C-alpha atoms as a PDB file:
ATOM      1  CA  MET A   1     -19.544   2.654  22.052  1.00  0.00           C
ATOM      2  CA  ALA A   2     -17.246   1.950  19.064  1.00  0.00           C
ATOM      3  CA  ASN A   3     -17.622  -1.806  19.529  1.00  0.00           C
ATOM      4  CA  GLU A   4     -21.414  -1.484  19.741  1.00  0.00           C
ATOM      5  CA  THR A   5     -21.477   0.566  16.541  1.00  0.00           C
ATOM      6  CA  GLU A   6     -19.260  -1.906  14.700  1.00  0.00           C
ATOM      7  CA  SER A   7     -21.480  -4.763  15.890  1.00  0.00           C
ATOM      8  CA  TYR A   8     -24.522  -2.926  14.526  1.00  0.00           C
ATOM      9  CA  TRP A   9     -22.792  -2.447  11.173  1.00  0.00           C
ATOM     10  CA  ALA A  10     -21.816  -6.130  11.078  1.00  0.00           C
ATOM     11  CA  ASP A  11     -25.402  -7.197  11.741  1.00  0.00           C
ATOM     12  CA  GLU A  12     -26.768  -4.938   9.011  1.00  0.00           C
ATOM     13  CA  ILE A  13     -24.200  -6.150   6.491  1.00  0.00           C
ATOM     14  CA  ALA A  14     -24.938  -9.776   7.420  1.00  0.00           C
ATOM     15  CA  VAL A  15     -28.624  -9.288   6.582  1.00  0.00           C
ATOM     16  CA  HIS A  16     -27.671  -7.632   3.302  1.00  0.00           C
ATOM     17  CA  LEU A  17     -25.303 -10.474   2.421  1.00  0.00           C
ATOM     18  CA  LYS A  18     -28.100 -12.966   2.925  1.00  0.00           C
ATOM     19  CA  ASN A  19     -30.526 -11.011   0.781  1.00  0.00           C
ATOM     20  CA  ARG A  20     -28.062 -10.176  -1.983  1.00  0.00           C
ATOM     21  CA  PHE A  21     -25.793 -13.219  -2.216  1.00  0.00           C
ATOM     22  CA  GLY A  22     -27.625 -15.884  -0.222  1.00  0.00           C
ATOM     23  CA  ILE A  23     -24.692 -16.003   2.213  1.00  0.00           C
ATOM     24  CA  SER A  24     -25.538 -16.925   5.820  1.00  0.00           C
ATOM     25  CA  VAL A  25     -23.143 -15.409   8.361  1.00  0.00           C
ATOM     26  CA  LYS A  26     -22.398 -17.645  11.348  1.00  0.00           C
ATOM     27  CA  GLU A  27     -19.839 -15.392  13.051  1.00  0.00           C
ATOM     28  CA  ALA A  28     -18.085 -12.074  12.348  1.00  0.00           C
ATOM     29  CA  THR A  29     -14.657 -11.348  13.853  1.00  0.00           C
ATOM     30  CA  THR A  30     -13.282  -7.816  13.697  1.00  0.00           C
ATOM     31  CA  ILE A  31      -9.798  -7.430  12.210  1.00  0.00           C
ATOM     32  CA  ASP A  32      -7.956  -4.558  13.872  1.00  0.00           C
ATOM     33  CA  LYS A  33      -6.038  -3.207  10.880  1.00  0.00           C
ATOM     34  CA  GLY A  34      -6.061   0.108   9.051  1.00  0.00           C
ATOM     35  CA  TRP A  35      -7.560   3.495   9.824  1.00  0.00           C
ATOM     36  CA  LEU A  36     -11.327   4.141  10.230  1.00  0.00           C
ATOM     37  CA  ASN A  37     -12.457   1.446   7.792  1.00  0.00           C
ATOM     38  CA  VAL A  38     -13.742  -1.678   9.565  1.00  0.00           C
ATOM     39  CA  LYS A  39     -12.812  -5.183   8.444  1.00  0.00           C
ATOM     40  CA  TRP A  40     -14.219  -8.544   9.438  1.00  0.00           C
ATOM     41  CA  LYS A  41     -13.484 -12.180   8.877  1.00  0.00           C
ATOM     42  CA  ILE A  42     -16.888 -13.788   8.514  1.00  0.00           C
ATOM     43  CA  ASP A  43     -17.552 -17.484   8.865  1.00  0.00           C
ATOM     44  CA  THR A  44     -20.349 -18.678   6.607  1.00  0.00           C
ATOM     45  CA  ASP A  45     -21.961 -21.950   5.575  1.00  0.00           C
ATOM     46  CA  ASN A  46     -19.542 -21.962   2.627  1.00  0.00           C
ATOM     47  CA  GLY A  47     -16.315 -21.080   4.450  1.00  0.00           C
ATOM     48  CA  SER A  48     -14.663 -17.798   5.394  1.00  0.00           C
ATOM     49  CA  LEU A  49     -14.900 -14.442   3.630  1.00  0.00           C
ATOM     50  CA  PHE A  50     -13.430 -10.978   4.159  1.00  0.00           C
ATOM     51  CA  ILE A  51     -15.687  -7.929   4.521  1.00  0.00           C
ATOM     52  CA  LYS A  52     -14.427  -4.357   4.314  1.00  0.00           C
ATOM     53  CA  TYR A  53     -16.706  -1.492   5.342  1.00  0.00           C
ATOM     54  CA  TYR A  54     -15.734   1.874   3.855  1.00  0.00           C
ATOM     55  CA  HIS A  55     -16.040   4.462   6.590  1.00  0.00           C
ATOM     56  CA  PRO A  56     -17.598   7.725   5.286  1.00  0.00           C
ATOM     57  CA  ASP A  57     -15.085   9.867   7.199  1.00  0.00           C
ATOM     58  CA  ARG A  58     -12.232   8.300   5.248  1.00  0.00           C
ATOM     59  CA  TYR A  59     -13.457   8.023   1.672  1.00  0.00           C
ATOM     60  CA  ARG A  60     -16.623  10.182   1.622  1.00  0.00           C
ATOM     61  CA  MET A  61     -17.900   8.173  -1.320  1.00  0.00           C
ATOM     62  CA  HIS A  62     -21.494   9.342  -0.876  1.00  0.00           C
ATOM     63  CA  THR A  63     -20.430  12.903  -1.603  1.00  0.00           C
ATOM     64  CA  ASN A  64     -17.542  12.041  -3.927  1.00  0.00           C
ATOM     65  CA  PRO A  65     -18.790   9.792  -6.753  1.00  0.00           C
ATOM     66  CA  GLU A  66     -15.427  10.035  -8.487  1.00  0.00           C
ATOM     67  CA  ARG A  67     -13.746   8.434  -5.484  1.00  0.00           C
ATOM     68  CA  ARG A  68     -16.321   5.648  -5.510  1.00  0.00           C
ATOM     69  CA  ARG A  69     -15.722   5.004  -9.202  1.00  0.00           C
ATOM     70  CA  ALA A  70     -11.970   4.914  -8.593  1.00  0.00           C
ATOM     71  CA  ILE A  71     -12.293   2.261  -5.887  1.00  0.00           C
ATOM     72  CA  GLU A  72     -14.718   0.275  -8.047  1.00  0.00           C
ATOM     73  CA  LYS A  73     -12.011   0.356 -10.736  1.00  0.00           C
ATOM     74  CA  THR A  74      -9.330  -0.942  -8.371  1.00  0.00           C
ATOM     75  CA  LEU A  75     -11.616  -3.764  -7.249  1.00  0.00           C
ATOM     76  CA  GLN A  76     -12.321  -4.637 -10.874  1.00  0.00           C
ATOM     77  CA  LEU A  77      -8.582  -4.778 -11.575  1.00  0.00           C
ATOM     78  CA  GLN A  78      -8.030  -6.870  -8.450  1.00  0.00           C
ATOM     79  CA  GLN A  79     -10.620  -9.359  -9.674  1.00  0.00           C
ATOM     80  CA  GLY A  80      -8.827  -9.485 -13.018  1.00  0.00           C
ATOM     81  CA  LEU A  81      -5.524 -10.189 -11.295  1.00  0.00           C
ATOM     82  CA  ASN A  82      -7.142 -12.937  -9.236  1.00  0.00           C
ATOM     83  CA  ALA A  83      -8.655 -14.514 -12.364  1.00  0.00           C
ATOM     84  CA  ALA A  84      -5.184 -14.456 -13.964  1.00  0.00           C
ATOM     85  CA  GLY A  85      -3.834 -16.554 -11.077  1.00  0.00           C
ATOM     86  CA  ILE A  86      -1.948 -13.798  -9.298  1.00  0.00           C
ATOM     87  CA  PRO A  87      -2.209 -14.349  -5.519  1.00  0.00           C
ATOM     88  CA  CYS A  88      -4.781 -11.820  -4.319  1.00  0.00           C
ATOM     89  CA  PRO A  89      -8.383 -12.174  -3.104  1.00  0.00           C
ATOM     90  CA  GLY A  90     -11.212 -12.478  -5.576  1.00  0.00           C
ATOM     91  CA  VAL A  91     -13.990  -9.872  -5.337  1.00  0.00           C
ATOM     92  CA  TYR A  92     -17.717 -10.675  -5.189  1.00  0.00           C
ATOM     93  CA  THR A  93     -19.908  -8.715  -7.592  1.00  0.00           C
ATOM     94  CA  TYR A  94     -23.636  -8.089  -7.847  1.00  0.00           C
ATOM     95  CA  LYS A  95     -24.927  -6.781 -11.177  1.00  0.00           C
ATOM     96  CA  ASP A  96     -21.360  -5.696 -12.020  1.00  0.00           C
ATOM     97  CA  GLN A  97     -21.121  -3.743  -8.755  1.00  0.00           C
ATOM     98  CA  TYR A  98     -17.921  -4.270  -6.771  1.00  0.00           C
ATOM     99  CA  ILE A  99     -19.023  -2.050  -3.884  1.00  0.00           C
ATOM    100  CA  GLN A 100     -22.254  -3.083  -2.158  1.00  0.00           C
ATOM    101  CA  GLU A 101     -24.631  -0.698  -0.379  1.00  0.00           C
ATOM    102  CA  THR A 102     -27.093  -1.567   2.374  1.00  0.00           C
ATOM    103  CA  PRO A 103     -30.515   0.144   2.588  1.00  0.00           C
ATOM    104  CA  SER A 104     -29.166   2.574   5.204  1.00  0.00           C
ATOM    105  CA  GLY A 105     -26.173   3.456   3.011  1.00  0.00           C
ATOM    106  CA  LEU A 106     -23.336   1.337   4.437  1.00  0.00           C
ATOM    107  CA  LEU A 107     -20.783   0.746   1.682  1.00  0.00           C
ATOM    108  CA  TYR A 108     -18.780  -2.478   1.773  1.00  0.00           C
ATOM    109  CA  THR A 109     -17.081  -5.061  -0.378  1.00  0.00           C
ATOM    110  CA  VAL A 110     -16.916  -8.858  -0.155  1.00  0.00           C
ATOM    111  CA  LEU A 111     -13.684 -10.689  -0.898  1.00  0.00           C
ATOM    112  CA  ASP A 112     -12.286 -14.179  -0.679  1.00  0.00           C
ATOM    113  CA  TRP A 113     -10.563 -14.955   2.575  1.00  0.00           C
ATOM    114  CA  VAL A 114      -6.763 -15.359   2.322  1.00  0.00           C
ATOM    115  CA  ASP A 115      -5.472 -17.824   4.882  1.00  0.00           C
ATOM    116  CA  GLY A 116      -2.288 -16.070   5.957  1.00  0.00           C
ATOM    117  CA  HIS A 117      -0.873 -13.432   8.270  1.00  0.00           C
ATOM    118  CA  SER A 118       1.209 -10.282   7.983  1.00  0.00           C
ATOM    119  CA  ALA A 119       4.846 -10.558   9.041  1.00  0.00           C
ATOM    120  CA  GLN A 120       6.829  -8.152  11.171  1.00  0.00           C
ATOM    121  CA  ALA A 121       8.404  -5.426   9.046  1.00  0.00           C
ATOM    122  CA  GLY A 122      11.887  -6.412   7.935  1.00  0.00           C
ATOM    123  CA  TYR A 123      11.438 -10.116   8.656  1.00  0.00           C
ATOM    124  CA  LEU A 124      10.197 -11.649   5.408  1.00  0.00           C
ATOM    125  CA  SER A 125      12.245 -14.727   4.589  1.00  0.00           C
ATOM    126  CA  LYS A 126      14.261 -15.262   1.441  1.00  0.00           C
ATOM    127  CA  LYS A 127      11.597 -17.606   0.065  1.00  0.00           C
ATOM    128  CA  GLN A 128       8.788 -15.204   0.954  1.00  0.00           C
ATOM    129  CA  MET A 129      10.602 -12.337  -0.769  1.00  0.00           C
ATOM    130  CA  PHE A 130      11.231 -14.461  -3.875  1.00  0.00           C
ATOM    131  CA  GLU A 131       7.557 -15.393  -4.085  1.00  0.00           C
ATOM    132  CA  LEU A 132       6.557 -11.774  -3.431  1.00  0.00           C
ATOM    133  CA  GLY A 133       8.875 -10.563  -6.195  1.00  0.00           C
ATOM    134  CA  THR A 134       7.374 -13.147  -8.543  1.00  0.00           C
ATOM    135  CA  ALA A 135       3.820 -12.055  -7.673  1.00  0.00           C
ATOM    136  CA  VAL A 136       4.635  -8.350  -8.091  1.00  0.00           C
ATOM    137  CA  GLY A 137       6.364  -9.001 -11.411  1.00  0.00           C
ATOM    138  CA  ARG A 138       3.349 -10.958 -12.664  1.00  0.00           C
ATOM    139  CA  MET A 139       1.019  -8.224 -11.386  1.00  0.00           C
ATOM    140  CA  HIS A 140       2.934  -5.467 -13.191  1.00  0.00           C
ATOM    141  CA  LYS A 141       3.069  -7.508 -16.385  1.00  0.00           C
ATOM    142  CA  TRP A 142      -0.719  -8.120 -16.307  1.00  0.00           C
ATOM    143  CA  LEU A 143      -1.401  -4.457 -15.555  1.00  0.00           C
ATOM    144  CA  GLN A 144       0.509  -3.403 -18.672  1.00  0.00           C
ATOM    145  CA  ALA A 145      -2.586  -4.320 -20.683  1.00  0.00           C
ATOM    146  CA  VAL A 146      -4.832  -1.950 -18.674  1.00  0.00           C
ATOM    147  CA  PRO A 147      -5.528   1.299 -20.572  1.00  0.00           C
ATOM    148  CA  PRO A 148      -3.515   4.134 -19.006  1.00  0.00           C
ATOM    149  CA  LEU A 149      -4.898   7.261 -17.423  1.00  0.00           C
ATOM    150  CA  SER A 150      -4.366  10.515 -19.297  1.00  0.00           C
ATOM    151  CA  LYS A 151      -1.325  11.099 -17.090  1.00  0.00           C
ATOM    152  CA  PRO A 152       0.202   9.517 -13.987  1.00  0.00           C
ATOM    153  CA  ALA A 153      -1.595  10.250 -10.713  1.00  0.00           C
ATOM    154  CA  TRP A 154       1.739  11.512  -9.350  1.00  0.00           C
ATOM    155  CA  GLU A 155       4.945  12.675 -10.993  1.00  0.00           C
ATOM    156  CA  PRO A 156       8.339  13.653  -9.539  1.00  0.00           C
ATOM    157  CA  ASP A 157       8.314  17.445  -9.278  1.00  0.00           C
ATOM    158  CA  LYS A 158      10.904  19.349  -7.262  1.00  0.00           C
ATOM    159  CA  GLU A 159       8.871  22.569  -7.041  1.00  0.00           C
ATOM    160  CA  ALA A 160       5.753  20.688  -5.882  1.00  0.00           C
ATOM    161  CA  TYR A 161       7.830  18.845  -3.281  1.00  0.00           C
ATOM    162  CA  LEU A 162       9.249  22.062  -1.893  1.00  0.00           C
ATOM    163  CA  ARG A 163       5.777  23.637  -1.675  1.00  0.00           C
ATOM    164  CA  ASP A 164       4.549  20.688   0.405  1.00  0.00           C
ATOM    165  CA  TRP A 165       7.786  20.763   2.388  1.00  0.00           C
ATOM    166  CA  GLN A 166       7.133  24.424   3.286  1.00  0.00           C
ATOM    167  CA  ILE A 167       3.712  23.527   4.684  1.00  0.00           C
ATOM    168  CA  ASN A 168       5.300  20.856   6.900  1.00  0.00           C
ATOM    169  CA  TRP A 169       8.032  23.280   7.950  1.00  0.00           C
ATOM    170  CA  ASP A 170       5.563  25.998   8.920  1.00  0.00           C
ATOM    171  CA  LYS A 171       3.582  23.566  11.070  1.00  0.00           C
ATOM    172  CA  ALA A 172       6.724  22.269  12.783  1.00  0.00           C
ATOM    173  CA  LYS A 173       7.934  25.821  13.426  1.00  0.00           C
ATOM    174  CA  GLU A 174       4.557  26.860  14.841  1.00  0.00           C
ATOM    175  CA  ALA A 175       4.640  23.830  17.165  1.00  0.00           C
ATOM    176  CA  GLU A 176       8.280  24.601  18.084  1.00  0.00           C
ATOM    177  CA  ASP A 177       9.047  21.018  17.110  1.00  0.00           C
ATOM    178  CA  THR A 178      12.817  21.268  16.738  1.00  0.00           C
ATOM    179  CA  ILE A 179      13.174  17.536  16.089  1.00  0.00           C
ATOM    180  CA  VAL A 180      10.961  17.618  13.006  1.00  0.00           C
ATOM    181  CA  MET A 181      12.599  20.865  11.919  1.00  0.00           C
ATOM    182  CA  GLU A 182      15.936  19.016  11.922  1.00  0.00           C
ATOM    183  CA  TRP A 183      14.353  16.204   9.910  1.00  0.00           C
ATOM    184  CA  LEU A 184      13.005  18.691   7.404  1.00  0.00           C
ATOM    185  CA  GLU A 185      16.279  20.540   7.014  1.00  0.00           C
ATOM    186  CA  ARG A 186      17.844  17.233   6.065  1.00  0.00           C
ATOM    187  CA  SER A 187      15.108  16.295   3.601  1.00  0.00           C
ATOM    188  CA  ARG A 188      15.258  19.748   1.984  1.00  0.00           C
ATOM    189  CA  ASP A 189      19.012  19.457   1.466  1.00  0.00           C
ATOM    190  CA  ILE A 190      18.651  16.023  -0.097  1.00  0.00           C
ATOM    191  CA  VAL A 191      15.936  17.126  -2.496  1.00  0.00           C
ATOM    192  CA  HIS A 192      17.825  20.300  -3.443  1.00  0.00           C
ATOM    193  CA  SER A 193      20.830  18.134  -4.334  1.00  0.00           C
ATOM    194  CA  LEU A 194      18.812  15.691  -6.456  1.00  0.00           C
ATOM    195  CA  ASP A 195      18.782  16.006 -10.231  1.00  0.00           C
ATOM    196  CA  PHE A 196      15.170  15.154 -11.093  1.00  0.00           C
ATOM    197  CA  ARG A 197      16.205  14.230 -14.636  1.00  0.00           C
ATOM    198  CA  LEU A 198      17.044  10.894 -13.036  1.00  0.00           C
ATOM    199  CA  PHE A 199      13.348  10.012 -13.209  1.00  0.00           C
ATOM    200  CA  GLU A 200      12.793  10.831 -16.889  1.00  0.00           C
ATOM    201  CA  ALA A 201      13.535   7.224 -17.889  1.00  0.00           C
ATOM    202  CA  CYS A 202      10.973   5.754 -15.450  1.00  0.00           C
ATOM    203  CA  PRO A 203       8.258   3.771 -17.266  1.00  0.00           C
ATOM    204  CA  SER A 204       4.750   4.646 -16.142  1.00  0.00           C
ATOM    205  CA  GLY A 205       1.989   2.125 -15.497  1.00  0.00           C
ATOM    206  CA  TRP A 206      -0.556   0.814 -13.031  1.00  0.00           C
ATOM    207  CA  LEU A 207       0.707  -0.301  -9.616  1.00  0.00           C
ATOM    208  CA  HIS A 208      -0.532  -1.428  -6.204  1.00  0.00           C
ATOM    209  CA  TRP A 209       0.922   1.701  -4.501  1.00  0.00           C
ATOM    210  CA  ASP A 210       0.657   0.396  -0.920  1.00  0.00           C
ATOM    211  CA  LEU A 211       2.863  -2.692  -0.897  1.00  0.00           C
ATOM    212  CA  TRP A 212       4.034  -2.902   2.721  1.00  0.00           C
ATOM    213  CA  VAL A 213       3.936  -5.789   5.188  1.00  0.00           C
ATOM    214  CA  ASP A 214       0.377  -5.159   6.403  1.00  0.00           C
ATOM    215  CA  ASN A 215      -0.798  -5.803   2.838  1.00  0.00           C
ATOM    216  CA  ILE A 216       1.444  -8.818   2.243  1.00  0.00           C
ATOM    217  CA  LEU A 217       0.126 -12.045   3.750  1.00  0.00           C
ATOM    218  CA  VAL A 218       2.377 -15.041   4.274  1.00  0.00           C
ATOM    219  CA  HIS A 219       2.054 -18.587   5.579  1.00  0.00           C
ATOM    220  CA  GLY A 220       4.869 -20.871   6.641  1.00  0.00           C
ATOM    221  CA  GLN A 221       7.751 -19.854   4.440  1.00  0.00           C
ATOM    222  CA  GLY A 222       5.686 -18.731   1.423  1.00  0.00           C
ATOM    223  CA  LEU A 223       3.455 -15.952   0.143  1.00  0.00           C
ATOM    224  CA  ALA A 224      -0.281 -16.294   0.769  1.00  0.00           C
ATOM    225  CA  GLY A 225      -1.384 -13.208  -1.129  1.00  0.00           C
ATOM    226  CA  ILE A 226      -1.320  -9.453  -1.707  1.00  0.00           C
ATOM    227  CA  VAL A 227      -4.297  -7.520  -0.319  1.00  0.00           C
ATOM    228  CA  ASP A 228      -5.790  -4.001  -0.094  1.00  0.00           C
ATOM    229  CA  PHE A 229      -5.750  -2.560  -3.594  1.00  0.00           C
ATOM    230  CA  ASP A 230      -7.672   0.622  -2.673  1.00  0.00           C
ATOM    231  CA  ARG A 231      -4.820   2.944  -3.611  1.00  0.00           C
ATOM    232  CA  MET A 232      -4.046   1.281  -6.941  1.00  0.00           C
ATOM    233  CA  THR A 233      -3.531   3.865  -9.672  1.00  0.00           C
ATOM    234  CA  MET A 234      -1.261   4.715 -12.554  1.00  0.00           C
ATOM    235  CA  ALA A 235       2.134   6.159 -11.712  1.00  0.00           C
ATOM    236  CA  TYR A 236       5.432   4.228 -11.754  1.00  0.00           C
ATOM    237  CA  PRO A 237       5.502   0.461 -11.056  1.00  0.00           C
ATOM    238  CA  GLU A 238       9.000   0.621  -9.574  1.00  0.00           C
ATOM    239  CA  ILE A 239       7.476   2.394  -6.554  1.00  0.00           C
ATOM    240  CA  ASP A 240       5.990  -1.000  -5.607  1.00  0.00           C
ATOM    241  CA  VAL A 241       9.451  -2.558  -5.815  1.00  0.00           C
ATOM    242  CA  ALA A 242      11.020  -0.001  -3.491  1.00  0.00           C
ATOM    243  CA  ARG A 243       8.157  -0.140  -0.977  1.00  0.00           C
ATOM    244  CA  ALA A 244       8.104  -3.963  -0.842  1.00  0.00           C
ATOM    245  CA  ILE A 245      11.874  -4.250  -0.443  1.00  0.00           C
ATOM    246  CA  LEU A 246      12.127  -1.661   2.319  1.00  0.00           C
ATOM    247  CA  SER A 247       9.162  -3.134   4.167  1.00  0.00           C
ATOM    248  CA  GLY A 248      10.235  -6.740   3.814  1.00  0.00           C
ATOM    249  CA  SER A 249      14.023  -6.524   4.067  1.00  0.00           C
ATOM    250  CA  LEU A 250      15.051  -3.533   6.234  1.00  0.00           C
ATOM    251  CA  GLN A 251      15.730  -4.990   9.662  1.00  0.00           C
ATOM    252  CA  ASN A 252      17.305  -3.089  12.568  1.00  0.00           C
ATOM    253  CA  GLY A 253      18.858  -0.535  10.252  1.00  0.00           C
ATOM    254  CA  GLN A 254      20.338  -3.135   7.910  1.00  0.00           C
ATOM    255  CA  LEU A 255      19.057  -4.095   4.477  1.00  0.00           C
ATOM    256  CA  ARG A 256      19.218  -7.897   4.265  1.00  0.00           C
ATOM    257  CA  MET A 257      20.717  -8.180   0.793  1.00  0.00           C
ATOM    258  CA  GLU A 258      20.014 -11.884   0.333  1.00  0.00           C
ATOM    259  CA  THR A 259      16.283 -11.170   0.584  1.00  0.00           C
ATOM    260  CA  VAL A 260      16.577  -8.141  -1.714  1.00  0.00           C
ATOM    261  CA  GLN A 261      18.295 -10.345  -4.290  1.00  0.00           C
ATOM    262  CA  ALA A 262      15.599 -12.990  -3.887  1.00  0.00           C
ATOM    263  CA  PHE A 263      12.850 -10.428  -4.534  1.00  0.00           C
ATOM    264  CA  MET A 264      14.597  -9.071  -7.629  1.00  0.00           C
ATOM    265  CA  GLU A 265      15.209 -12.572  -8.980  1.00  0.00           C
ATOM    266  CA  GLY A 266      11.505 -13.367  -8.688  1.00  0.00           C
ATOM    267  CA  TYR A 267      10.500  -9.993 -10.119  1.00  0.00           C
ATOM    268  CA  ARG A 268      12.797 -10.177 -13.144  1.00  0.00           C
ATOM    269  CA  GLY A 269      11.273 -13.504 -14.086  1.00  0.00           C
ATOM    270  CA  TYR A 270       8.226 -11.542 -15.296  1.00  0.00           C
ATOM    271  CA  TYR A 271       9.028  -7.826 -15.521  1.00  0.00           C
ATOM    272  CA  GLU A 272      12.008  -5.796 -16.619  1.00  0.00           C
ATOM    273  CA  ALA A 273      14.200  -4.203 -13.945  1.00  0.00           C
ATOM    274  CA  PRO A 274      17.194  -2.608 -15.691  1.00  0.00           C
ATOM    275  CA  HIS A 275      20.507  -1.641 -14.136  1.00  0.00           C
ATOM    276  CA  GLY A 276      20.078   1.395 -11.893  1.00  0.00           C
ATOM    277  CA  MET A 277      16.362   0.895 -11.313  1.00  0.00           C
ATOM    278  CA  LEU A 278      16.438  -0.059  -7.630  1.00  0.00           C
ATOM    279  CA  SER A 279      18.356   2.935  -6.286  1.00  0.00           C
ATOM    280  CA  ARG A 280      16.244   5.214  -8.489  1.00  0.00           C
ATOM    281  CA  ALA A 281      13.056   3.597  -7.187  1.00  0.00           C
ATOM    282  CA  ILE A 282      14.074   4.125  -3.572  1.00  0.00           C
ATOM    283  CA  LYS A 283      14.914   7.768  -4.257  1.00  0.00           C
ATOM    284  CA  MET A 284      11.531   8.186  -5.927  1.00  0.00           C
ATOM    285  CA  LEU A 285       9.843   6.599  -2.905  1.00  0.00           C
ATOM    286  CA  TYR A 286      11.615   9.116  -0.685  1.00  0.00           C
ATOM    287  CA  ILE A 287      10.275  12.017  -2.778  1.00  0.00           C
ATOM    288  CA  ILE A 288       6.757  10.669  -2.265  1.00  0.00           C
ATOM    289  CA  GLU A 289       6.817   9.515   1.333  1.00  0.00           C
ATOM    290  CA  SER A 290       9.136  11.907   3.170  1.00  0.00           C
ATOM    291  CA  ILE A 291       6.404  14.532   2.739  1.00  0.00           C
ATOM    292  CA  TRP A 292       3.874  12.142   4.319  1.00  0.00           C
ATOM    293  CA  TRP A 293       5.858  10.860   7.280  1.00  0.00           C
ATOM    294  CA  LEU A 294       8.364  13.578   8.289  1.00  0.00           C
ATOM    295  CA  ARG A 295       5.731  15.780   9.895  1.00  0.00           C
ATOM    296  CA  THR A 296       4.976  17.153  13.350  1.00  0.00           C
ATOM    297  CA  GLU A 297       1.532  15.512  13.321  1.00  0.00           C
ATOM    298  CA  VAL A 298       3.127  12.083  12.958  1.00  0.00           C
ATOM    299  CA  ARG A 299       5.777  12.621  15.620  1.00  0.00           C
ATOM    300  CA  VAL A 300       3.667  14.132  18.405  1.00  0.00           C
ATOM    301  CA  ASP A 301       0.498  12.024  18.067  1.00  0.00           C
ATOM    302  CA  SER A 302       1.117   8.763  19.935  1.00  0.00           C
ATOM    303  CA  GLY A 303      -1.400   6.864  17.830  1.00  0.00           C
ATOM    304  CA  LEU A 304       0.077   8.037  14.540  1.00  0.00           C
ATOM    305  CA  ARG A 305       3.607   7.534  15.861  1.00  0.00           C
ATOM    306  CA  THR A 306       2.815   3.911  16.685  1.00  0.00           C
ATOM    307  CA  LEU A 307       1.122   3.329  13.326  1.00  0.00           C
ATOM    308  CA  LEU A 308       3.589   5.210  11.139  1.00  0.00           C
ATOM    309  CA  GLY A 309       6.862   5.071  13.055  1.00  0.00           C
ATOM    310  CA  ARG A 310       8.190   2.317  10.816  1.00  0.00           C
ATOM    311  CA  PHE A 311       7.848   4.576   7.770  1.00  0.00           C
ATOM    312  CA  VAL A 312       9.749   7.358   9.537  1.00  0.00           C
ATOM    313  CA  GLU A 313      12.508   4.850  10.275  1.00  0.00           C
ATOM    314  CA  GLU A 314      12.656   3.884   6.601  1.00  0.00           C
ATOM    315  CA  MET A 315      12.912   7.529   5.496  1.00  0.00           C
ATOM    316  CA  HIS A 316      15.840   8.092   7.852  1.00  0.00           C
ATOM    317  CA  TRP A 317      17.537   4.937   6.562  1.00  0.00           C
ATOM    318  CA  ILE A 318      17.258   6.217   2.989  1.00  0.00           C
ATOM    319  CA  GLU A 319      18.768   9.537   4.083  1.00  0.00           C
ATOM    320  CA  ASP A 320      21.680   7.783   5.803  1.00  0.00           C
ATOM    321  CA  GLN A 321      22.364   5.641   2.731  1.00  0.00           C
ATOM    322  CA  TRP A 322      21.648   8.316   0.117  1.00  0.00           C
ATOM    323  CA  PRO A 323      25.261   8.855  -1.083  1.00  0.00           C
ATOM    324  CA  THR A 324      25.852   5.116  -1.567  1.00  0.00           C
ATOM    325  CA  LEU A 325      22.460   3.827  -2.733  1.00  0.00           C
ATOM    326  CA  ALA A 326      23.612   3.345  -6.328  1.00  0.00           C
ATOM    327  CA  ASP A 327      26.816   1.566  -5.290  1.00  0.00           C
ATOM    328  CA  ARG A 328      24.912  -0.792  -2.992  1.00  0.00           C
ATOM    329  CA  LEU A 329      21.856  -1.551  -5.051  1.00  0.00           C
ATOM    330  CA  ASP A 330      22.345  -1.081  -8.767  1.00  0.00           C
ATOM    331  CA  ASP A 331      24.047  -4.421  -9.328  1.00  0.00           C
ATOM    332  CA  VAL A 332      21.399  -6.419  -7.453  1.00  0.00           C
END
């Protein structure tokens, strides 16, 4: 039934593409990535394009106009990055609209096709990490010119963390999930020990916010492009650095330092990364993501465990390395 529904959506979008952009779809191939949203590679008379359909159960844009405006903004910024030569797909617009809507209400966007593939987590090469660092540095530099929000979308806050932690703890206790309860005891102790004044020096700014291997496309030994800017917002750009390094360089419990150094070399060619930034960035990432991933729902649901298990692994690695993060990373 799901395949039939997706085929129906693809057909409706193809008709809309023809009417709106004059694009004739020859074939649509589903890309099995992400949650709920449906993505296709479409072959047209003018080459390949990428279509992303925004599932209403994920974004609820029909009932949440603010969310729709936010995604329109990220697509606008993505198009600006593309025009500046930063490797990411260009976005098709119609009357200044970045999100298209079919007569029945299907919401989708049209992007350039990037001829590349996602790598296995932890296995980006030294050259790929250098080119990724260069692209992220250029992206952060370009985004500096974007007017800021009134305040960051997220800020390090110990009390807020512990409130969210309590919710996760209560759910794990109710489920008698002793494994997650052990995880949470460890995360609570780490956060209690952390002096949050560490983050006061963090510069705020716009960032990608979801820079892991599924959103980093490579070809051969190089970078093809950065994709999926839906979560872009204003917070702290160094979060992107920590996420990209963990996703690209952490392999079998070991951080491949030559690839970390390659990323930072590329990044520093365009954006400042002062002494002490990398260990601070990874600690900040832990404050954000340990709440997301160290949960009973993630551990017991086989689908979520398969999808998100890598992130759990990364959180545990940070915990194991916590006392020595500064010694290992601040001179990179």
